[in-house]
């Protein structure tokens, strides 16, 4: 399981649809946060609920927010921040060969969706959480604070 986290002062996600003839129609904002973390979550084959629990715990305790001296010493929980979770299967891409990514390491869609839903539910039980829609065409907007971006993996 792979998490790309970005410290943000705000972030939102809009789901776009298709109208008759395939043209894009207006979007609906389905998730928005203020100060917190934008989390792009990649789920690989073999990832488990135990992996999700471990990753969530790390994300919530990861010290990426500044203390009074400006050092990254506070966690999302410490600053009472919010979490925006977006499914991002491309994080599981194999990019070692050639110029086209391969996705054989990504979890099957049904498995990934179940684990994504589990992760979101567990996160929402612990902190204010918003999320995208699994498998949807989404437009993600953010104001990156720093910028501060980290890639976390389990196992």
C-alpha atoms as a PDB file:
ATOM      1  CA  UNK A   1       0.000   0.000   0.000  1.00  0.00           C
ATOM      2  CA  UNK A   2       1.370   3.360  -1.030  1.00  0.00           C
ATOM      3  CA  UNK A   3       0.403   6.779   0.287  1.00  0.00           C
ATOM      4  CA  UNK A   4       1.448  10.069  -1.205  1.00  0.00           C
ATOM      5  CA  UNK A   5       0.647  12.723   1.392  1.00  0.00           C
ATOM      6  CA  UNK A   6       0.705  16.465   0.842  1.00  0.00           C
ATOM      7  CA  UNK A   7       0.352  19.071   3.581  1.00  0.00           C
ATOM      8  CA  UNK A   8      -2.381  21.454   2.453  1.00  0.00           C
ATOM      9  CA  UNK A   9      -4.108  24.591   3.623  1.00  0.00           C
ATOM     10  CA  UNK A  10      -7.138  23.452   1.596  1.00  0.00           C
ATOM     11  CA  UNK A  11      -8.090  20.726  -0.869  1.00  0.00           C
ATOM     12  CA  UNK A  12     -11.206  19.539  -2.656  1.00  0.00           C
ATOM     13  CA  UNK A  13     -12.329  16.911  -5.118  1.00  0.00           C
ATOM     14  CA  UNK A  14     -14.953  17.258  -7.836  1.00  0.00           C
ATOM     15  CA  UNK A  15     -16.503  14.363  -9.744  1.00  0.00           C
ATOM     16  CA  UNK A  16     -17.235  15.084 -13.384  1.00  0.00           C
ATOM     17  CA  UNK A  17     -19.779  13.297 -15.498  1.00  0.00           C
ATOM     18  CA  UNK A  18     -20.483  12.727 -19.165  1.00  0.00           C
ATOM     19  CA  UNK A  19     -23.503  14.082 -20.925  1.00  0.00           C
ATOM     20  CA  UNK A  20     -25.165  12.921 -24.129  1.00  0.00           C
ATOM     21  CA  UNK A  21     -22.534  12.557 -26.845  1.00  0.00           C
ATOM     22  CA  UNK A  22     -19.692  12.225 -24.345  1.00  0.00           C
ATOM     23  CA  UNK A  23     -19.299  15.910 -23.517  1.00  0.00           C
ATOM     24  CA  UNK A  24     -18.263  16.756 -19.967  1.00  0.00           C
ATOM     25  CA  UNK A  25     -21.001  18.122 -17.734  1.00  0.00           C
ATOM     26  CA  UNK A  26     -20.709  20.162 -14.541  1.00  0.00           C
ATOM     27  CA  UNK A  27     -19.064  18.644 -11.549  1.00  0.00           C
ATOM     28  CA  UNK A  28     -20.113  18.003  -7.996  1.00  0.00           C
ATOM     29  CA  UNK A  29     -17.753  18.720  -5.098  1.00  0.00           C
ATOM     30  CA  UNK A  30     -17.858  15.528  -3.071  1.00  0.00           C
ATOM     31  CA  UNK A  31     -15.068  16.208  -0.595  1.00  0.00           C
ATOM     32  CA  UNK A  32     -13.275  19.245   0.794  1.00  0.00           C
ATOM     33  CA  UNK A  33     -10.949  19.991   3.693  1.00  0.00           C
ATOM     34  CA  UNK A  34      -9.159  22.957   5.184  1.00  0.00           C
ATOM     35  CA  UNK A  35      -5.814  22.544   6.979  1.00  0.00           C
ATOM     36  CA  UNK A  36      -4.670  18.949   6.796  1.00  0.00           C
ATOM     37  CA  UNK A  37      -3.368  16.271   4.473  1.00  0.00           C
ATOM     38  CA  UNK A  38      -4.334  15.290   0.955  1.00  0.00           C
ATOM     39  CA  UNK A  39      -3.741  11.545   0.693  1.00  0.00           C
ATOM     40  CA  UNK A  40      -3.432   9.771  -2.656  1.00  0.00           C
ATOM     41  CA  UNK A  41      -3.810   6.070  -1.837  1.00  0.00           C
ATOM     42  CA  UNK A  42      -2.454   3.303  -4.077  1.00  0.00           C
ATOM     43  CA  UNK A  43      -3.499  -0.256  -3.284  1.00  0.00           C
ATOM     44  CA  UNK A  44      -1.377  -3.152  -4.524  1.00  0.00           C
ATOM     45  CA  UNK A  45      -2.127  -6.848  -4.940  1.00  0.00           C
ATOM     46  CA  UNK A  46      -1.784  -8.585  -1.590  1.00  0.00           C
ATOM     47  CA  UNK A  47      -2.466  -5.501   0.539  1.00  0.00           C
ATOM     48  CA  UNK A  48      -4.558  -6.265   3.620  1.00  0.00           C
ATOM     49  CA  UNK A  49      -6.666  -4.541   6.250  1.00  0.00           C
ATOM     50  CA  UNK A  50      -3.699  -4.899   8.621  1.00  0.00           C
ATOM     51  CA  UNK A  51      -1.595  -2.943   6.095  1.00  0.00           C
ATOM     52  CA  UNK A  52      -4.308  -0.283   5.921  1.00  0.00           C
ATOM     53  CA  UNK A  53      -4.414   0.001   9.720  1.00  0.00           C
ATOM     54  CA  UNK A  54      -0.634   0.331   9.927  1.00  0.00           C
ATOM     55  CA  UNK A  55      -0.513   2.960   7.177  1.00  0.00           C
ATOM     56  CA  UNK A  56      -3.371   4.977   8.663  1.00  0.00           C
ATOM     57  CA  UNK A  57      -1.705   4.992  12.081  1.00  0.00           C
ATOM     58  CA  UNK A  58       1.540   6.212  10.526  1.00  0.00           C
ATOM     59  CA  UNK A  59      -0.207   8.954   8.540  1.00  0.00           C
ATOM     60  CA  UNK A  60      -2.111  10.243  11.554  1.00  0.00           C
ATOM     61  CA  UNK A  61       1.067  10.351  13.673  1.00  0.00           C
ATOM     62  CA  UNK A  62       3.508  11.506  10.949  1.00  0.00           C
ATOM     63  CA  UNK A  63       4.958  14.831  12.079  1.00  0.00           C
ATOM     64  CA  UNK A  64       4.728  17.148   9.071  1.00  0.00           C
ATOM     65  CA  UNK A  65       3.206  20.257  10.634  1.00  0.00           C
ATOM     66  CA  UNK A  66       5.350  23.001  12.180  1.00  0.00           C
ATOM     67  CA  UNK A  67       5.669  23.568  15.905  1.00  0.00           C
ATOM     68  CA  UNK A  68       6.108  27.015  17.464  1.00  0.00           C
ATOM     69  CA  UNK A  69       9.744  27.051  16.330  1.00  0.00           C
ATOM     70  CA  UNK A  70       8.897  26.145  12.739  1.00  0.00           C
ATOM     71  CA  UNK A  71      10.171  22.546  12.928  1.00  0.00           C
ATOM     72  CA  UNK A  72       8.043  19.721  11.545  1.00  0.00           C
ATOM     73  CA  UNK A  73       7.114  18.328  14.933  1.00  0.00           C
ATOM     74  CA  UNK A  74       3.315  18.084  14.935  1.00  0.00           C
ATOM     75  CA  UNK A  75       1.082  15.400  13.492  1.00  0.00           C
ATOM     76  CA  UNK A  76      -2.296  15.679  11.806  1.00  0.00           C
ATOM     77  CA  UNK A  77      -3.880  14.691  15.118  1.00  0.00           C
ATOM     78  CA  UNK A  78      -1.806  17.282  17.029  1.00  0.00           C
ATOM     79  CA  UNK A  79      -3.055  20.139  14.819  1.00  0.00           C
ATOM     80  CA  UNK A  80      -6.630  18.802  14.659  1.00  0.00           C
ATOM     81  CA  UNK A  81      -6.276  18.699  10.874  1.00  0.00           C
ATOM     82  CA  UNK A  82      -8.460  17.042   8.275  1.00  0.00           C
ATOM     83  CA  UNK A  83      -7.782  14.242   5.804  1.00  0.00           C
ATOM     84  CA  UNK A  84      -8.880  14.048   2.153  1.00  0.00           C
ATOM     85  CA  UNK A  85      -8.481  10.484   0.828  1.00  0.00           C
ATOM     86  CA  UNK A  86      -8.329   9.899  -2.940  1.00  0.00           C
ATOM     87  CA  UNK A  87      -7.921   6.481  -4.566  1.00  0.00           C
ATOM     88  CA  UNK A  88      -4.938   6.556  -6.950  1.00  0.00           C
ATOM     89  CA  UNK A  89      -4.200   3.190  -8.582  1.00  0.00           C
ATOM     90  CA  UNK A  90      -1.401   4.695 -10.690  1.00  0.00           C
ATOM     91  CA  UNK A  91       0.794   4.842  -7.568  1.00  0.00           C
ATOM     92  CA  UNK A  92       1.092   1.055  -7.877  1.00  0.00           C
ATOM     93  CA  UNK A  93       2.510   1.332 -11.407  1.00  0.00           C
ATOM     94  CA  UNK A  94       5.663  -0.469 -12.475  1.00  0.00           C
ATOM     95  CA  UNK A  95       7.811   2.221 -14.086  1.00  0.00           C
ATOM     96  CA  UNK A  96      11.144   0.411 -14.226  1.00  0.00           C
ATOM     97  CA  UNK A  97      10.966  -0.726 -17.859  1.00  0.00           C
ATOM     98  CA  UNK A  98      10.199   1.222 -20.989  1.00  0.00           C
ATOM     99  CA  UNK A  99       8.180   4.373 -21.333  1.00  0.00           C
ATOM    100  CA  UNK A 100       4.716   3.044 -20.551  1.00  0.00           C
ATOM    101  CA  UNK A 101       3.676   2.226 -16.978  1.00  0.00           C
ATOM    102  CA  UNK A 102       2.418  -1.258 -16.187  1.00  0.00           C
ATOM    103  CA  UNK A 103      -0.280  -1.895 -13.620  1.00  0.00           C
ATOM    104  CA  UNK A 104       0.105  -5.601 -12.871  1.00  0.00           C
ATOM    105  CA  UNK A 105       1.048  -4.776  -9.261  1.00  0.00           C
ATOM    106  CA  UNK A 106      -2.178  -2.847  -8.647  1.00  0.00           C
ATOM    107  CA  UNK A 107      -4.961  -4.642  -6.800  1.00  0.00           C
ATOM    108  CA  UNK A 108      -7.970  -5.828  -8.795  1.00  0.00           C
ATOM    109  CA  UNK A 109     -10.650  -3.109  -8.806  1.00  0.00           C
ATOM    110  CA  UNK A 110     -13.088  -4.969  -6.523  1.00  0.00           C
ATOM    111  CA  UNK A 111     -10.343  -5.750  -3.988  1.00  0.00           C
ATOM    112  CA  UNK A 112      -8.973  -2.208  -4.135  1.00  0.00           C
ATOM    113  CA  UNK A 113     -12.403  -0.657  -3.663  1.00  0.00           C
ATOM    114  CA  UNK A 114     -13.122  -2.822  -0.615  1.00  0.00           C
ATOM    115  CA  UNK A 115      -9.790  -1.892   0.973  1.00  0.00           C
ATOM    116  CA  UNK A 116     -10.236   1.797   0.053  1.00  0.00           C
ATOM    117  CA  UNK A 117     -13.669   1.793   1.724  1.00  0.00           C
ATOM    118  CA  UNK A 118     -12.189   0.080   4.784  1.00  0.00           C
ATOM    119  CA  UNK A 119      -9.390   2.678   4.983  1.00  0.00           C
ATOM    120  CA  UNK A 120     -11.854   5.588   4.681  1.00  0.00           C
ATOM    121  CA  UNK A 121     -14.119   4.147   7.370  1.00  0.00           C
ATOM    122  CA  UNK A 122     -11.223   3.605   9.766  1.00  0.00           C
ATOM    123  CA  UNK A 123      -9.906   7.121   9.109  1.00  0.00           C
ATOM    124  CA  UNK A 124     -13.327   8.712   9.648  1.00  0.00           C
ATOM    125  CA  UNK A 125     -13.594   6.976  13.027  1.00  0.00           C
ATOM    126  CA  UNK A 126     -10.415   8.746  14.153  1.00  0.00           C
ATOM    127  CA  UNK A 127     -10.294  12.144  12.401  1.00  0.00           C
ATOM    128  CA  UNK A 128     -12.376  14.457  10.206  1.00  0.00           C
ATOM    129  CA  UNK A 129     -12.207  12.795   6.795  1.00  0.00           C
ATOM    130  CA  UNK A 130     -13.458  13.581   3.303  1.00  0.00           C
ATOM    131  CA  UNK A 131     -12.924  11.416   0.246  1.00  0.00           C
ATOM    132  CA  UNK A 132     -13.178  11.024  -3.472  1.00  0.00           C
ATOM    133  CA  UNK A 133     -15.236   8.412  -5.304  1.00  0.00           C
ATOM    134  CA  UNK A 134     -13.492   5.160  -6.179  1.00  0.00           C
ATOM    135  CA  UNK A 135     -12.982   4.727  -9.921  1.00  0.00           C
ATOM    136  CA  UNK A 136     -14.522   8.079 -10.839  1.00  0.00           C
ATOM    137  CA  UNK A 137     -13.052  10.766 -13.079  1.00  0.00           C
ATOM    138  CA  UNK A 138     -12.099  13.368 -10.499  1.00  0.00           C
ATOM    139  CA  UNK A 139     -10.552  16.809 -10.491  1.00  0.00           C
ATOM    140  CA  UNK A 140      -8.495  17.407  -7.358  1.00  0.00           C
ATOM    141  CA  UNK A 141      -7.615  20.947  -6.314  1.00  0.00           C
ATOM    142  CA  UNK A 142      -5.227  21.820  -3.530  1.00  0.00           C
ATOM    143  CA  UNK A 143      -3.191  24.567  -1.989  1.00  0.00           C
ATOM    144  CA  UNK A 144       0.033  22.796  -1.069  1.00  0.00           C
ATOM    145  CA  UNK A 145       1.466  24.197   2.157  1.00  0.00           C
ATOM    146  CA  UNK A 146       5.247  24.269   1.979  1.00  0.00           C
ATOM    147  CA  UNK A 147       5.247  22.437  -0.342  1.00  0.00           C
ATOM    148  CA  UNK A 148       5.506  19.381   1.879  1.00  0.00           C
ATOM    149  CA  UNK A 149       5.035  15.992   0.182  1.00  0.00           C
ATOM    150  CA  UNK A 150       5.987  12.493   1.372  1.00  0.00           C
ATOM    151  CA  UNK A 151       5.649   8.982  -0.011  1.00  0.00           C
ATOM    152  CA  UNK A 152       4.881   6.289   2.592  1.00  0.00           C
ATOM    153  CA  UNK A 153       4.668   2.538   1.987  1.00  0.00           C
ATOM    154  CA  UNK A 154       3.653  -0.564   3.914  1.00  0.00           C
ATOM    155  CA  UNK A 155       4.721  -3.300   4.265  1.00  0.00           C
END
